[in-house]
C-alpha atoms as a PDB file:
ATOM      1  CA  MET A   1     -16.061 -32.702 -40.458  1.00  0.00           C
ATOM      2  CA  THR A   2     -18.595 -30.728 -38.421  1.00  0.00           C
ATOM      3  CA  ARG A   3     -17.897 -32.857 -35.356  1.00  0.00           C
ATOM      4  CA  SER A   4     -14.155 -32.234 -35.567  1.00  0.00           C
ATOM      5  CA  ILE A   5     -14.705 -28.477 -35.907  1.00  0.00           C
ATOM      6  CA  THR A   6     -17.068 -28.523 -32.935  1.00  0.00           C
ATOM      7  CA  ALA A   7     -14.573 -30.572 -30.913  1.00  0.00           C
ATOM      8  CA  TYR A   8     -11.789 -28.166 -31.880  1.00  0.00           C
ATOM      9  CA  LYS A   9     -13.839 -25.117 -30.820  1.00  0.00           C
ATOM     10  CA  SER A  10     -14.746 -26.813 -27.561  1.00  0.00           C
ATOM     11  CA  LEU A  11     -11.100 -27.565 -26.829  1.00  0.00           C
ATOM     12  CA  LEU A  12     -10.045 -23.987 -27.543  1.00  0.00           C
ATOM     13  CA  MET A  13     -12.856 -22.512 -25.447  1.00  0.00           C
ATOM     14  CA  SER A  14     -11.947 -24.708 -22.502  1.00  0.00           C
ATOM     15  CA  ALA A  15      -8.320 -23.710 -22.882  1.00  0.00           C
ATOM     16  CA  LEU A  16      -9.112 -20.002 -22.639  1.00  0.00           C
ATOM     17  CA  ILE A  17     -11.619 -19.951 -19.803  1.00  0.00           C
ATOM     18  CA  ALA A  18     -11.154 -21.089 -16.232  1.00  0.00           C
ATOM     19  CA  PRO A  19     -11.240 -24.895 -16.319  1.00  0.00           C
ATOM     20  CA  LEU A  20     -13.139 -25.272 -13.060  1.00  0.00           C
ATOM     21  CA  PRO A  21     -15.104 -28.419 -14.033  1.00  0.00           C
ATOM     22  CA  ALA A  22     -11.832 -30.104 -14.963  1.00  0.00           C
ATOM     23  CA  PHE A  23     -10.553 -29.794 -11.413  1.00  0.00           C
ATOM     24  CA  ALA A  24     -12.910 -32.595 -10.408  1.00  0.00           C
ATOM     25  CA  MET A  25     -10.633 -35.060 -12.212  1.00  0.00           C
ATOM     26  CA  ALA A  26      -8.179 -37.154 -10.244  1.00  0.00           C
ATOM     27  CA  SER A  27      -5.058 -36.353 -12.237  1.00  0.00           C
ATOM     28  CA  ASP A  28      -3.096 -33.346 -11.029  1.00  0.00           C
ATOM     29  CA  THR A  29      -1.086 -33.331 -14.264  1.00  0.00           C
ATOM     30  CA  THR A  30      -4.190 -32.632 -16.326  1.00  0.00           C
ATOM     31  CA  ASN A  31      -5.258 -29.893 -13.943  1.00  0.00           C
ATOM     32  CA  VAL A  32      -1.822 -28.270 -14.026  1.00  0.00           C
ATOM     33  CA  LEU A  33      -1.873 -28.287 -17.816  1.00  0.00           C
ATOM     34  CA  LEU A  34      -5.384 -26.844 -18.026  1.00  0.00           C
ATOM     35  CA  LEU A  35      -4.497 -24.030 -15.649  1.00  0.00           C
ATOM     36  CA  ALA A  36      -1.248 -23.330 -17.513  1.00  0.00           C
ATOM     37  CA  ILE A  37      -3.027 -23.274 -20.888  1.00  0.00           C
ATOM     38  CA  THR A  38      -5.721 -20.961 -19.525  1.00  0.00           C
ATOM     39  CA  LEU A  39      -3.252 -18.456 -18.084  1.00  0.00           C
ATOM     40  CA  ALA A  40      -0.987 -18.724 -21.125  1.00  0.00           C
ATOM     41  CA  GLY A  41      -3.893 -17.930 -23.450  1.00  0.00           C
ATOM     42  CA  PHE A  42      -4.861 -14.933 -21.383  1.00  0.00           C
ATOM     43  CA  SER A  43      -1.255 -13.731 -21.133  1.00  0.00           C
ATOM     44  CA  LEU A  44      -0.746 -14.075 -24.884  1.00  0.00           C
ATOM     45  CA  PHE A  45      -3.714 -11.867 -25.721  1.00  0.00           C
ATOM     46  CA  ASN A  46      -2.801  -9.479 -22.916  1.00  0.00           C
ATOM     47  CA  LEU A  47       0.655  -9.109 -24.488  1.00  0.00           C
ATOM     48  CA  ALA A  48      -1.048  -8.207 -27.765  1.00  0.00           C
ATOM     49  CA  LEU A  49      -3.033  -5.525 -25.919  1.00  0.00           C
ATOM     50  CA  ASN A  50       0.190  -4.302 -24.296  1.00  0.00           C
ATOM     51  CA  ALA A  51       1.762  -3.844 -27.715  1.00  0.00           C
ATOM     52  CA  LEU A  52      -1.358  -2.156 -29.088  1.00  0.00           C
ATOM     53  CA  PHE A  53      -1.608   0.303 -26.211  1.00  0.00           C
ATOM     54  CA  TYR A  54       2.140   0.977 -26.166  1.00  0.00           C
ATOM     55  CA  PHE A  55       2.414   1.750 -29.874  1.00  0.00           C
ATOM     56  CA  THR A  56      -0.729   3.893 -29.891  1.00  0.00           C
ATOM     57  CA  GLY A  57       0.601   5.968 -26.985  1.00  0.00           C
ATOM     58  CA  LYS A  58      -1.935   4.963 -24.325  1.00  0.00           C
ATOM     59  CA  TYR A  59       0.847   4.114 -21.858  1.00  0.00           C
ATOM     60  CA  HIS A  60       1.881   7.750 -21.894  1.00  0.00           C
ATOM     61  CA  SER A  61      -0.696   8.013 -19.107  1.00  0.00           C
ATOM     62  CA  ARG A  62       0.543   6.249 -15.971  1.00  0.00           C
ATOM     63  CA  ASN A  63      -3.024   5.955 -14.642  1.00  0.00           C
ATOM     64  CA  PHE A  64      -4.084   4.034 -17.749  1.00  0.00           C
ATOM     65  CA  ALA A  65      -1.132   1.656 -17.316  1.00  0.00           C
ATOM     66  CA  LYS A  66      -1.976   1.127 -13.644  1.00  0.00           C
ATOM     67  CA  MET A  67      -5.600   0.334 -14.492  1.00  0.00           C
ATOM     68  CA  HIS A  68      -4.564  -2.078 -17.241  1.00  0.00           C
ATOM     69  CA  ALA A  69      -2.138  -3.860 -14.901  1.00  0.00           C
ATOM     70  CA  LEU A  70      -4.784  -4.065 -12.168  1.00  0.00           C
ATOM     71  CA  ILE A  71      -7.354  -5.606 -14.512  1.00  0.00           C
ATOM     72  CA  ALA A  72      -4.782  -7.937 -16.107  1.00  0.00           C
ATOM     73  CA  ILE A  73      -3.733  -9.383 -12.750  1.00  0.00           C
ATOM     74  CA  ILE A  74      -7.274 -10.552 -11.865  1.00  0.00           C
ATOM     75  CA  PRO A  75      -7.055 -13.929 -13.721  1.00  0.00           C
ATOM     76  CA  ALA A  76      -3.756 -14.724 -11.974  1.00  0.00           C
ATOM     77  CA  VAL A  77      -5.313 -13.999  -8.567  1.00  0.00           C
ATOM     78  CA  ILE A  78      -8.312 -16.198  -9.416  1.00  0.00           C
ATOM     79  CA  ALA A  79      -5.916 -18.948 -10.528  1.00  0.00           C
ATOM     80  CA  LEU A  80      -4.033 -18.640  -7.223  1.00  0.00           C
ATOM     81  CA  PHE A  81      -7.245 -19.219  -5.256  1.00  0.00           C
ATOM     82  CA  VAL A  82      -8.136 -22.170  -7.492  1.00  0.00           C
ATOM     83  CA  VAL A  83      -4.689 -23.679  -6.911  1.00  0.00           C
ATOM     84  CA  LEU A  84      -4.902 -23.272  -3.164  1.00  0.00           C
ATOM     85  CA  ILE A  85      -8.394 -24.793  -3.033  1.00  0.00           C
ATOM     86  CA  TYR A  86      -8.211 -27.657  -5.535  1.00  0.00           C
ATOM     87  CA  PHE A  87      -4.636 -28.964  -5.430  1.00  0.00           C
ATOM     88  CA  ASP A  88      -3.323 -31.270  -2.726  1.00  0.00           C
ATOM     89  CA  THR A  89       0.178 -32.282  -3.795  1.00  0.00           C
ATOM     90  CA  ALA A  90       3.205 -30.053  -3.343  1.00  0.00           C
ATOM     91  CA  GLY A  91       4.371 -30.680  -6.916  1.00  0.00           C
ATOM     92  CA  ALA A  92       1.126 -29.520  -8.465  1.00  0.00           C
ATOM     93  CA  ILE A  93       0.980 -26.460  -6.238  1.00  0.00           C
ATOM     94  CA  SER A  94       4.594 -25.464  -6.979  1.00  0.00           C
ATOM     95  CA  MET A  95       4.155 -25.898 -10.741  1.00  0.00           C
ATOM     96  CA  ASN A  96       1.010 -23.805 -10.704  1.00  0.00           C
ATOM     97  CA  ILE A  97       2.602 -21.139  -8.539  1.00  0.00           C
ATOM     98  CA  GLY A  98       5.357 -20.897 -11.153  1.00  0.00           C
ATOM     99  CA  VAL A  99       2.822 -20.403 -13.938  1.00  0.00           C
ATOM    100  CA  ILE A 100       0.972 -17.831 -11.830  1.00  0.00           C
ATOM    101  CA  ILE A 101       4.193 -15.900 -11.134  1.00  0.00           C
ATOM    102  CA  VAL A 102       4.928 -15.690 -14.863  1.00  0.00           C
ATOM    103  CA  SER A 103       1.361 -14.523 -15.495  1.00  0.00           C
ATOM    104  CA  VAL A 104       1.641 -11.856 -12.791  1.00  0.00           C
ATOM    105  CA  ALA A 105       4.946 -10.649 -14.246  1.00  0.00           C
ATOM    106  CA  LEU A 106       3.398 -10.313 -17.696  1.00  0.00           C
ATOM    107  CA  SER A 107       0.360  -8.574 -16.195  1.00  0.00           C
ATOM    108  CA  LEU A 108       2.582  -5.953 -14.575  1.00  0.00           C
ATOM    109  CA  LEU A 109       4.357  -5.196 -17.854  1.00  0.00           C
ATOM    110  CA  PRO A 110       2.298  -2.019 -18.531  1.00  0.00           C
ATOM    111  CA  LEU A 111       3.881  -0.397 -15.463  1.00  0.00           C
ATOM    112  CA  GLN A 112       7.326  -1.006 -16.930  1.00  0.00           C
ATOM    113  CA  LEU A 113       6.261   0.175 -20.371  1.00  0.00           C
ATOM    114  CA  THR A 114       5.216   3.577 -19.005  1.00  0.00           C
ATOM    115  CA  LEU A 115       8.863   4.255 -18.193  1.00  0.00           C
ATOM    116  CA  SER A 116       9.808   4.116 -21.867  1.00  0.00           C
ATOM    117  CA  ALA A 117       6.579   5.443 -23.381  1.00  0.00           C
ATOM    118  CA  GLN A 118       7.713   8.515 -25.276  1.00  0.00           C
ATOM    119  CA  LYS A 119       4.849   8.656 -27.743  1.00  0.00           C
ATOM    120  CA  ALA A 120       1.691  10.504 -26.721  1.00  0.00           C
ATOM    121  CA  PRO A 121      -1.699   9.452 -28.099  1.00  0.00           C
ATOM    122  CA  THR A 122      -2.502  10.909 -31.500  1.00  0.00           C
ATOM    123  CA  LYS A 123      -5.825  11.756 -33.091  1.00  0.00           C
ATOM    124  CA  HIS A 124      -5.835   8.297 -34.717  1.00  0.00           C
ATOM    125  CA  THR A 125      -5.243   6.353 -31.496  1.00  0.00           C
ATOM    126  CA  ALA A 126      -8.907   5.693 -30.768  1.00  0.00           C
ATOM    127  CA  LEU A 127      -9.569   4.639 -34.367  1.00  0.00           C
ATOM    128  CA  ILE A 128      -6.655   2.178 -34.336  1.00  0.00           C
ATOM    129  CA  ILE A 129      -7.874   0.671 -31.056  1.00  0.00           C
ATOM    130  CA  ALA A 130     -11.451   0.474 -32.388  1.00  0.00           C
ATOM    131  CA  LEU A 131     -10.245  -1.316 -35.522  1.00  0.00           C
ATOM    132  CA  ALA A 132      -8.252  -3.721 -33.335  1.00  0.00           C
ATOM    133  CA  ALA A 133     -11.499  -4.375 -31.450  1.00  0.00           C
ATOM    134  CA  VAL A 134     -13.170  -5.218 -34.763  1.00  0.00           C
ATOM    135  CA  VAL A 135     -10.406  -7.732 -35.578  1.00  0.00           C
ATOM    136  CA  LEU A 136     -10.663  -9.249 -32.100  1.00  0.00           C
ATOM    137  CA  LEU A 137     -14.434  -9.545 -32.397  1.00  0.00           C
ATOM    138  CA  LEU A 138     -14.128 -11.294 -35.757  1.00  0.00           C
ATOM    139  CA  THR A 139     -11.617 -13.663 -34.176  1.00  0.00           C
ATOM    140  CA  ALA A 140     -14.018 -14.221 -31.286  1.00  0.00           C
ATOM    141  CA  TYR A 141     -16.476 -15.861 -33.652  1.00  0.00           C
ATOM    142  CA  TYR A 142     -13.968 -18.719 -33.825  1.00  0.00           C
ATOM    143  CA  ILE A 143     -12.723 -18.597 -30.226  1.00  0.00           C
ATOM    144  CA  THR A 144     -15.431 -16.970 -28.128  1.00  0.00           C
ATOM    145  CA  PRO A 145     -13.447 -15.845 -25.034  1.00  0.00           C
ATOM    146  CA  ILE A 146     -11.458 -13.456 -27.236  1.00  0.00           C
ATOM    147  CA  ALA A 147     -14.575 -11.276 -27.169  1.00  0.00           C
ATOM    148  CA  ILE A 148     -13.446 -10.171 -23.695  1.00  0.00           C
ATOM    149  CA  PHE A 149     -10.415  -8.504 -25.280  1.00  0.00           C
ATOM    150  CA  ALA A 150     -12.620  -6.939 -27.976  1.00  0.00           C
ATOM    151  CA  ILE A 151     -14.753  -5.494 -25.184  1.00  0.00           C
ATOM    152  CA  ALA A 152     -11.667  -4.072 -23.485  1.00  0.00           C
ATOM    153  CA  CYS A 153     -10.511  -2.411 -26.701  1.00  0.00           C
ATOM    154  CA  GLY A 154     -14.028  -1.132 -27.380  1.00  0.00           C
ATOM    155  CA  HIS A 155     -14.211   0.549 -23.979  1.00  0.00           C
ATOM    156  CA  VAL A 156     -10.756   2.102 -24.372  1.00  0.00           C
ATOM    157  CA  ALA A 157     -11.599   3.426 -27.837  1.00  0.00           C
ATOM    158  CA  LEU A 158     -14.935   4.771 -26.603  1.00  0.00           C
ATOM    159  CA  THR A 159     -13.347   6.755 -23.790  1.00  0.00           C
ATOM    160  CA  SER A 160     -10.363   7.904 -25.857  1.00  0.00           C
ATOM    161  CA  GLN A 161     -11.953  10.295 -28.337  1.00  0.00           C
ATOM    162  CA  ALA A 162     -15.118  12.281 -29.053  1.00  0.00           C
ATOM    163  CA  ASP A 163     -15.185  11.519 -32.813  1.00  0.00           C
ATOM    164  CA  ILE A 164     -18.653  10.274 -33.729  1.00  0.00           C
ATOM    165  CA  LYS A 165     -17.349   7.605 -36.159  1.00  0.00           C
ATOM    166  CA  VAL A 166     -15.082   6.073 -33.527  1.00  0.00           C
ATOM    167  CA  LYS A 167     -17.883   6.183 -30.964  1.00  0.00           C
ATOM    168  CA  PHE A 168     -20.235   4.441 -33.387  1.00  0.00           C
ATOM    169  CA  ILE A 169     -17.666   1.713 -34.134  1.00  0.00           C
ATOM    170  CA  SER A 170     -16.917   1.283 -30.428  1.00  0.00           C
ATOM    171  CA  LEU A 171     -20.568   1.096 -29.404  1.00  0.00           C
ATOM    172  CA  SER A 172     -21.290  -1.367 -32.212  1.00  0.00           C
ATOM    173  CA  ILE A 173     -18.384  -3.560 -31.117  1.00  0.00           C
ATOM    174  CA  LEU A 174     -19.482  -3.409 -27.491  1.00  0.00           C
ATOM    175  CA  ALA A 175     -23.076  -4.312 -28.317  1.00  0.00           C
ATOM    176  CA  ALA A 176     -22.029  -7.211 -30.543  1.00  0.00           C
ATOM    177  CA  ALA A 177     -19.375  -8.523 -28.129  1.00  0.00           C
ATOM    178  CA  TYR A 178     -21.584  -8.342 -25.036  1.00  0.00           C
ATOM    179  CA  GLY A 179     -24.429  -9.945 -26.952  1.00  0.00           C
ATOM    180  CA  TYR A 180     -22.196 -12.707 -28.258  1.00  0.00           C
ATOM    181  CA  LEU A 181     -20.744 -13.445 -24.813  1.00  0.00           C
ATOM    182  CA  GLY A 182     -24.237 -13.432 -23.322  1.00  0.00           C
ATOM    183  CA  TYR A 183     -25.473 -15.877 -25.954  1.00  0.00           C
ATOM    184  CA  TRP A 184     -22.410 -18.064 -25.372  1.00  0.00           C
ATOM    185  CA  ALA A 185     -22.958 -18.036 -21.602  1.00  0.00           C
ATOM    186  CA  TYR A 186     -26.637 -18.914 -22.163  1.00  0.00           C
ATOM    187  CA  GLN A 187     -25.610 -21.868 -24.322  1.00  0.00           C
ATOM    188  CA  ILE A 188     -23.159 -23.101 -21.682  1.00  0.00           C
ATOM    189  CA  ILE A 189     -25.786 -22.847 -18.950  1.00  0.00           C
ATOM    190  CA  GLN A 190     -28.368 -24.523 -21.176  1.00  0.00           C
ATOM    191  CA  PHE A 191     -26.149 -27.559 -21.822  1.00  0.00           C
ATOM    192  CA  SER A 192     -24.812 -27.873 -18.279  1.00  0.00           C
END
């Protein structure tokens, strides 16, 4: 039972982080799938952040939407470089370029959402985002890379409001998430 849970966690972690060691394999199909799963996982959680920020009114600020889109496009750019370096066949490159284009389109969604963002942030916006960071951090204890999204929400909540309770929650989330990611990275390096 413990082995199957460990294997399941390992599979999910490898699906959500850049599968660079997998690119040493000979099969382009496996590499295409790993890259697609990685970008799809990131895009799925980024869509959840898009909804959170849209409904809390954060996209009322065009600068916030631009910054979110700029940060969200980074994994797609990294994936593009990985594709250009590690893939040799035209089929594998074209399939990956398609996945990357979809990821870029979803990353640029905040810019489109600012056009219809009528709701301005309220006094509860930072608290809602901080509570979402708590949920993401709890989820990260099952799938560690989700802690990156908890960190993003923690930073947004921290800079959104001067309420001491929200700042305490945000700082606690940031300390726990950074510590957990650091421990996880240490474990990966230790077993490599």
